[in-house]
PDB file of N, CA and C in Angstrom:
ATOM      1  N   UNK A   1     100.504 -55.364 -16.075  1.00  0.00           N
ATOM      2  CA  UNK A   1     101.927 -55.193 -16.846  1.00  0.00           C
ATOM      3  C   UNK A   1     102.126 -56.124 -17.677  1.00  0.00           C
ATOM      4  N   UNK A   2     101.820 -57.182 -17.648  1.00  0.00           N
ATOM      5  CA  UNK A   2     101.965 -58.104 -18.780  1.00  0.00           C
ATOM      6  C   UNK A   2     101.347 -57.721 -20.104  1.00  0.00           C
ATOM      7  N   UNK A   3     100.156 -57.119 -20.321  1.00  0.00           N
ATOM      8  CA  UNK A   3      99.576 -56.598 -21.238  1.00  0.00           C
ATOM      9  C   UNK A   3     100.272 -55.573 -21.778  1.00  0.00           C
ATOM     10  N   UNK A   4     101.189 -54.806 -21.090  1.00  0.00           N
ATOM     11  CA  UNK A   4     102.038 -53.816 -21.951  1.00  0.00           C
ATOM     12  C   UNK A   4     103.159 -54.445 -22.719  1.00  0.00           C
ATOM     13  N   UNK A   5     103.968 -55.533 -22.214  1.00  0.00           N
ATOM     14  CA  UNK A   5     104.769 -56.382 -22.767  1.00  0.00           C
ATOM     15  C   UNK A   5     103.960 -56.677 -24.420  1.00  0.00           C
ATOM     16  N   UNK A   6     103.018 -57.569 -23.902  1.00  0.00           N
ATOM     17  CA  UNK A   6     102.207 -58.135 -25.164  1.00  0.00           C
ATOM     18  C   UNK A   6     101.723 -57.119 -26.107  1.00  0.00           C
ATOM     19  N   UNK A   7     101.559 -55.929 -25.509  1.00  0.00           N
ATOM     20  CA  UNK A   7     100.736 -55.020 -26.985  1.00  0.00           C
ATOM     21  C   UNK A   7     101.787 -54.369 -27.444  1.00  0.00           C
ATOM     22  N   UNK A   8     103.018 -53.983 -26.759  1.00  0.00           N
ATOM     23  CA  UNK A   8     104.232 -53.243 -27.296  1.00  0.00           C
ATOM     24  C   UNK A   8     104.936 -54.523 -28.384  1.00  0.00           C
ATOM     25  N   UNK A   9     104.826 -55.642 -27.891  1.00  0.00           N
ATOM     26  CA  UNK A   9     105.327 -56.738 -28.659  1.00  0.00           C
ATOM     27  C   UNK A   9     104.779 -56.858 -30.301  1.00  0.00           C
ATOM     28  N   UNK A  10     103.464 -56.809 -29.911  1.00  0.00           N
ATOM     29  CA  UNK A  10     102.587 -57.042 -31.459  1.00  0.00           C
ATOM     30  C   UNK A  10     102.916 -55.874 -32.036  1.00  0.00           C
ATOM     31  N   UNK A  11     102.975 -54.758 -31.507  1.00  0.00           N
ATOM     32  CA  UNK A  11     103.472 -53.558 -32.395  1.00  0.00           C
ATOM     33  C   UNK A  11     104.718 -53.685 -32.894  1.00  0.00           C
ATOM     34  N   UNK A  12     105.544 -54.002 -32.237  1.00  0.00           N
ATOM     35  CA  UNK A  12     107.077 -54.010 -32.845  1.00  0.00           C
ATOM     36  C   UNK A  12     107.038 -55.162 -33.722  1.00  0.00           C
ATOM     37  N   UNK A  13     106.111 -56.470 -33.802  1.00  0.00           N
ATOM     38  CA  UNK A  13     106.117 -57.437 -34.836  1.00  0.00           C
ATOM     39  C   UNK A  13     105.487 -56.694 -36.021  1.00  0.00           C
ATOM     40  N   UNK A  14     104.442 -56.147 -36.213  1.00  0.00           N
ATOM     41  CA  UNK A  14     103.832 -55.588 -37.136  1.00  0.00           C
ATOM     42  C   UNK A  14     105.045 -54.466 -37.691  1.00  0.00           C
ATOM     43  N   UNK A  15     105.173 -53.720 -37.178  1.00  0.00           N
ATOM     44  CA  UNK A  15     106.372 -52.533 -37.402  1.00  0.00           C
ATOM     45  C   UNK A  15     107.410 -53.125 -38.106  1.00  0.00           C
ATOM     46  N   UNK A  16     107.983 -54.223 -37.404  1.00  0.00           N
ATOM     47  CA  UNK A  16     109.274 -54.971 -38.224  1.00  0.00           C
ATOM     48  C   UNK A  16     108.932 -55.543 -39.403  1.00  0.00           C
ATOM     49  N   UNK A  17     107.613 -56.136 -39.397  1.00  0.00           N
ATOM     50  CA  UNK A  17     107.066 -56.993 -40.587  1.00  0.00           C
ATOM     51  C   UNK A  17     107.022 -55.753 -41.958  1.00  0.00           C
ATOM     52  N   UNK A  18     106.410 -54.779 -41.285  1.00  0.00           N
ATOM     53  CA  UNK A  18     106.166 -53.802 -42.527  1.00  0.00           C
ATOM     54  C   UNK A  18     107.563 -53.188 -42.980  1.00  0.00           C
ATOM     55  N   UNK A  19     108.628 -52.932 -42.242  1.00  0.00           N
ATOM     56  CA  UNK A  19     109.722 -52.257 -42.657  1.00  0.00           C
ATOM     57  C   UNK A  19     110.812 -53.502 -43.425  1.00  0.00           C
ATOM     58  N   UNK A  20     110.592 -54.576 -42.997  1.00  0.00           N
ATOM     59  CA  UNK A  20     111.262 -55.752 -43.903  1.00  0.00           C
ATOM     60  C   UNK A  20     110.634 -55.716 -45.539  1.00  0.00           C
ATOM     61  N   UNK A  21     109.229 -55.762 -45.288  1.00  0.00           N
ATOM     62  CA  UNK A  21     108.645 -55.892 -46.574  1.00  0.00           C
ATOM     63  C   UNK A  21     108.431 -54.624 -47.631  1.00  0.00           C
ATOM     64  N   UNK A  22     109.066 -53.386 -47.062  1.00  0.00           N
ATOM     65  CA  UNK A  22     109.317 -51.944 -47.569  1.00  0.00           C
ATOM     66  C   UNK A  22     111.023 -51.832 -47.974  1.00  0.00           C
ATOM     67  N   UNK A  23     111.915 -52.635 -46.968  1.00  0.00           N
ATOM     68  CA  UNK A  23     113.479 -52.695 -47.559  1.00  0.00           C
ATOM     69  C   UNK A  23     113.227 -53.724 -48.290  1.00  0.00           C
ATOM     70  N   UNK A  24     112.733 -54.616 -48.638  1.00  0.00           N
ATOM     71  CA  UNK A  24     112.492 -55.746 -49.751  1.00  0.00           C
ATOM     72  C   UNK A  24     112.132 -55.342 -50.959  1.00  0.00           C
ATOM     73  N   UNK A  25     111.318 -53.949 -51.167  1.00  0.00           N
ATOM     74  CA  UNK A  25     110.756 -53.654 -52.020  1.00  0.00           C
ATOM     75  C   UNK A  25     109.511 -54.143 -52.568  1.00  0.00           C
ATOM     76  N   UNK A  26     108.828 -54.950 -51.440  1.00  0.00           N
ATOM     77  CA  UNK A  26     107.754 -56.012 -51.799  1.00  0.00           C
ATOM     78  C   UNK A  26     106.542 -54.743 -51.676  1.00  0.00           C
ATOM     79  N   UNK A  27     106.496 -53.779 -50.527  1.00  0.00           N
ATOM     80  CA  UNK A  27     105.830 -52.835 -50.531  1.00  0.00           C
ATOM     81  C   UNK A  27     106.609 -51.539 -50.839  1.00  0.00           C
ATOM     82  N   UNK A  28     105.759 -50.796 -51.863  1.00  0.00           N
ATOM     83  CA  UNK A  28     106.136 -49.662 -52.247  1.00  0.00           C
ATOM     84  C   UNK A  28     105.529 -48.624 -51.752  1.00  0.00           C
ATOM     85  N   UNK A  29     105.887 -47.458 -52.741  1.00  0.00           N
ATOM     86  CA  UNK A  29     105.155 -46.214 -52.184  1.00  0.00           C
ATOM     87  C   UNK A  29     105.640 -45.110 -50.973  1.00  0.00           C
ATOM     88  N   UNK A  30     107.001 -45.583 -50.632  1.00  0.00           N
ATOM     89  CA  UNK A  30     107.334 -44.906 -49.418  1.00  0.00           C
ATOM     90  C   UNK A  30     108.868 -44.774 -49.458  1.00  0.00           C
ATOM     91  N   UNK A  31     109.391 -43.654 -48.915  1.00  0.00           N
ATOM     92  CA  UNK A  31     111.050 -43.381 -49.014  1.00  0.00           C
ATOM     93  C   UNK A  31     111.644 -44.686 -48.674  1.00  0.00           C
ATOM     94  N   UNK A  32     111.213 -45.512 -47.839  1.00  0.00           N
ATOM     95  CA  UNK A  32     111.937 -46.908 -47.074  1.00  0.00           C
ATOM     96  C   UNK A  32     111.902 -47.765 -48.173  1.00  0.00           C
ATOM     97  N   UNK A  33     111.206 -47.747 -49.468  1.00  0.00           N
ATOM     98  CA  UNK A  33     111.008 -48.944 -49.963  1.00  0.00           C
ATOM     99  C   UNK A  33     112.352 -49.061 -50.977  1.00  0.00           C
ATOM    100  N   UNK A  34     112.742 -50.243 -50.857  1.00  0.00           N
ATOM    101  CA  UNK A  34     114.041 -50.755 -51.699  1.00  0.00           C
ATOM    102  C   UNK A  34     115.467 -50.011 -50.916  1.00  0.00           C
ATOM    103  N   UNK A  35     115.377 -49.808 -49.696  1.00  0.00           N
ATOM    104  CA  UNK A  35     116.623 -49.218 -48.607  1.00  0.00           C
ATOM    105  C   UNK A  35     116.861 -50.614 -48.261  1.00  0.00           C
ATOM    106  N   UNK A  36     118.077 -50.811 -48.151  1.00  0.00           N
ATOM    107  CA  UNK A  36     118.701 -52.222 -47.875  1.00  0.00           C
ATOM    108  C   UNK A  36     118.544 -52.483 -46.214  1.00  0.00           C
ATOM    109  N   UNK A  37     118.921 -50.799 -45.577  1.00  0.00           N
ATOM    110  CA  UNK A  37     118.878 -50.754 -44.231  1.00  0.00           C
ATOM    111  C   UNK A  37     117.685 -51.452 -43.581  1.00  0.00           C
ATOM    112  N   UNK A  38     116.554 -51.056 -43.961  1.00  0.00           N
ATOM    113  CA  UNK A  38     115.088 -51.656 -43.528  1.00  0.00           C
ATOM    114  C   UNK A  38     114.735 -52.815 -43.706  1.00  0.00           C
ATOM    115  N   UNK A  39     115.592 -53.626 -44.431  1.00  0.00           N
ATOM    116  CA  UNK A  39     115.558 -54.945 -44.605  1.00  0.00           C
ATOM    117  C   UNK A  39     116.230 -55.676 -43.879  1.00  0.00           C
ATOM    118  N   UNK A  40     117.160 -55.014 -42.806  1.00  0.00           N
ATOM    119  CA  UNK A  40     118.022 -55.499 -41.780  1.00  0.00           C
ATOM    120  C   UNK A  40     117.120 -55.221 -40.676  1.00  0.00           C
ATOM    121  N   UNK A  41     116.803 -53.899 -40.543  1.00  0.00           N
ATOM    122  CA  UNK A  41     116.501 -53.036 -39.249  1.00  0.00           C
ATOM    123  C   UNK A  41     115.158 -53.834 -38.826  1.00  0.00           C
ATOM    124  N   UNK A  42     113.973 -54.233 -39.939  1.00  0.00           N
ATOM    125  CA  UNK A  42     112.701 -55.050 -39.896  1.00  0.00           C
ATOM    126  C   UNK A  42     112.904 -56.092 -39.067  1.00  0.00           C
ATOM    127  N   UNK A  43     113.532 -56.921 -39.592  1.00  0.00           N
ATOM    128  CA  UNK A  43     113.664 -58.240 -38.509  1.00  0.00           C
ATOM    129  C   UNK A  43     114.067 -58.329 -37.238  1.00  0.00           C
ATOM    130  N   UNK A  44     115.152 -57.146 -36.996  1.00  0.00           N
ATOM    131  CA  UNK A  44     115.690 -57.263 -35.752  1.00  0.00           C
ATOM    132  C   UNK A  44     114.520 -56.487 -35.074  1.00  0.00           C
ATOM    133  N   UNK A  45     114.082 -55.810 -35.540  1.00  0.00           N
ATOM    134  CA  UNK A  45     112.639 -54.929 -34.634  1.00  0.00           C
ATOM    135  C   UNK A  45     111.476 -55.978 -34.185  1.00  0.00           C
ATOM    136  N   UNK A  46     111.446 -56.896 -35.610  1.00  0.00           N
ATOM    137  CA  UNK A  46     110.101 -57.704 -34.994  1.00  0.00           C
ATOM    138  C   UNK A  46     110.754 -59.178 -34.157  1.00  0.00           C
ATOM    139  N   UNK A  47     112.200 -59.331 -33.965  1.00  0.00           N
ATOM    140  CA  UNK A  47     112.825 -60.192 -32.978  1.00  0.00           C
ATOM    141  C   UNK A  47     112.461 -59.550 -31.871  1.00  0.00           C
ATOM    142  N   UNK A  48     113.028 -58.577 -31.502  1.00  0.00           N
ATOM    143  CA  UNK A  48     112.372 -57.847 -29.922  1.00  0.00           C
ATOM    144  C   UNK A  48     110.939 -57.877 -29.862  1.00  0.00           C
ATOM    145  N   UNK A  49     110.102 -57.611 -30.789  1.00  0.00           N
ATOM    146  CA  UNK A  49     108.679 -57.622 -30.612  1.00  0.00           C
ATOM    147  C   UNK A  49     108.265 -59.390 -30.173  1.00  0.00           C
ATOM    148  N   UNK A  50     108.896 -60.212 -30.656  1.00  0.00           N
ATOM    149  CA  UNK A  50     108.796 -61.708 -30.479  1.00  0.00           C
ATOM    150  C   UNK A  50     109.343 -62.237 -28.980  1.00  0.00           C
ATOM    151  N   UNK A  51     110.313 -61.377 -28.676  1.00  0.00           N
ATOM    152  CA  UNK A  51     110.891 -61.530 -27.578  1.00  0.00           C
ATOM    153  C   UNK A  51     109.707 -60.761 -26.252  1.00  0.00           C
ATOM    154  N   UNK A  52     109.538 -59.748 -26.441  1.00  0.00           N
ATOM    155  CA  UNK A  52     108.687 -58.905 -25.761  1.00  0.00           C
ATOM    156  C   UNK A  52     107.013 -59.575 -25.589  1.00  0.00           C
ATOM    157  N   UNK A  53     106.798 -60.179 -26.616  1.00  0.00           N
ATOM    158  CA  UNK A  53     105.392 -60.974 -26.325  1.00  0.00           C
ATOM    159  C   UNK A  53     105.710 -62.420 -25.654  1.00  0.00           C
ATOM    160  N   UNK A  54     106.935 -62.836 -25.813  1.00  0.00           N
ATOM    161  CA  UNK A  54     107.035 -63.982 -24.991  1.00  0.00           C
ATOM    162  C   UNK A  54     107.210 -63.506 -23.197  1.00  0.00           C
ATOM    163  N   UNK A  55     108.163 -62.519 -23.114  1.00  0.00           N
ATOM    164  CA  UNK A  55     107.902 -62.150 -21.540  1.00  0.00           C
ATOM    165  C   UNK A  55     106.662 -61.945 -20.902  1.00  0.00           C
ATOM    166  N   UNK A  56     106.104 -61.155 -21.758  1.00  0.00           N
ATOM    167  CA  UNK A  56     104.681 -60.892 -21.525  1.00  0.00           C
ATOM    168  C   UNK A  56     103.951 -62.169 -21.123  1.00  0.00           C
ATOM    169  N   UNK A  57     103.841 -63.080 -22.065  1.00  0.00           N
ATOM    170  CA  UNK A  57     102.890 -64.293 -21.705  1.00  0.00           C
ATOM    171  C   UNK A  57     103.523 -65.405 -20.747  1.00  0.00           C
ATOM    172  N   UNK A  58     104.809 -65.019 -20.326  1.00  0.00           N
ATOM    173  CA  UNK A  58     105.678 -65.996 -19.005  1.00  0.00           C
ATOM    174  C   UNK A  58     105.435 -65.036 -17.736  1.00  0.00           C
ATOM    175  N   UNK A  59     105.018 -64.109 -17.774  1.00  0.00           N
ATOM    176  CA  UNK A  59     105.198 -63.418 -16.679  1.00  0.00           C
ATOM    177  C   UNK A  59     103.806 -64.012 -16.019  1.00  0.00           C
ATOM    178  N   UNK A  60     103.838 -63.644 -14.506  1.00  0.00           N
ATOM    179  CA  UNK A  60     102.845 -64.358 -13.539  1.00  0.00           C
ATOM    180  C   UNK A  60     101.471 -63.195 -13.937  1.00  0.00           C
ATOM    181  N   UNK A  61     100.482 -63.785 -13.636  1.00  0.00           N
ATOM    182  CA  UNK A  61      99.167 -62.961 -13.477  1.00  0.00           C
ATOM    183  C   UNK A  61      98.987 -61.991 -12.245  1.00  0.00           C
ATOM    184  N   UNK A  62      99.931 -62.059 -11.594  1.00  0.00           N
ATOM    185  CA  UNK A  62      99.661 -61.365 -10.107  1.00  0.00           C
ATOM    186  C   UNK A  62     100.100 -60.074 -10.383  1.00  0.00           C
ATOM    187  N   UNK A  63     101.034 -59.911 -11.758  1.00  0.00           N
ATOM    188  CA  UNK A  63     101.831 -58.313 -12.138  1.00  0.00           C
ATOM    189  C   UNK A  63     100.580 -57.422 -12.460  1.00  0.00           C
TER     190      UNK A  63
END
């Protein structure tokens, strides 16, 4: 079960990072590019991903 937390967390961190960069118009070519909402949503999603990874790493190996 711990690998699920870690895997989902890593995916959330990656998606959050991409969304942040698109919202800040660093990555172009998308309807999300330059839209401020994604510059706010991205870091929140990445933070949830970091929390998920930490929970996965702190869980006992028995799970």
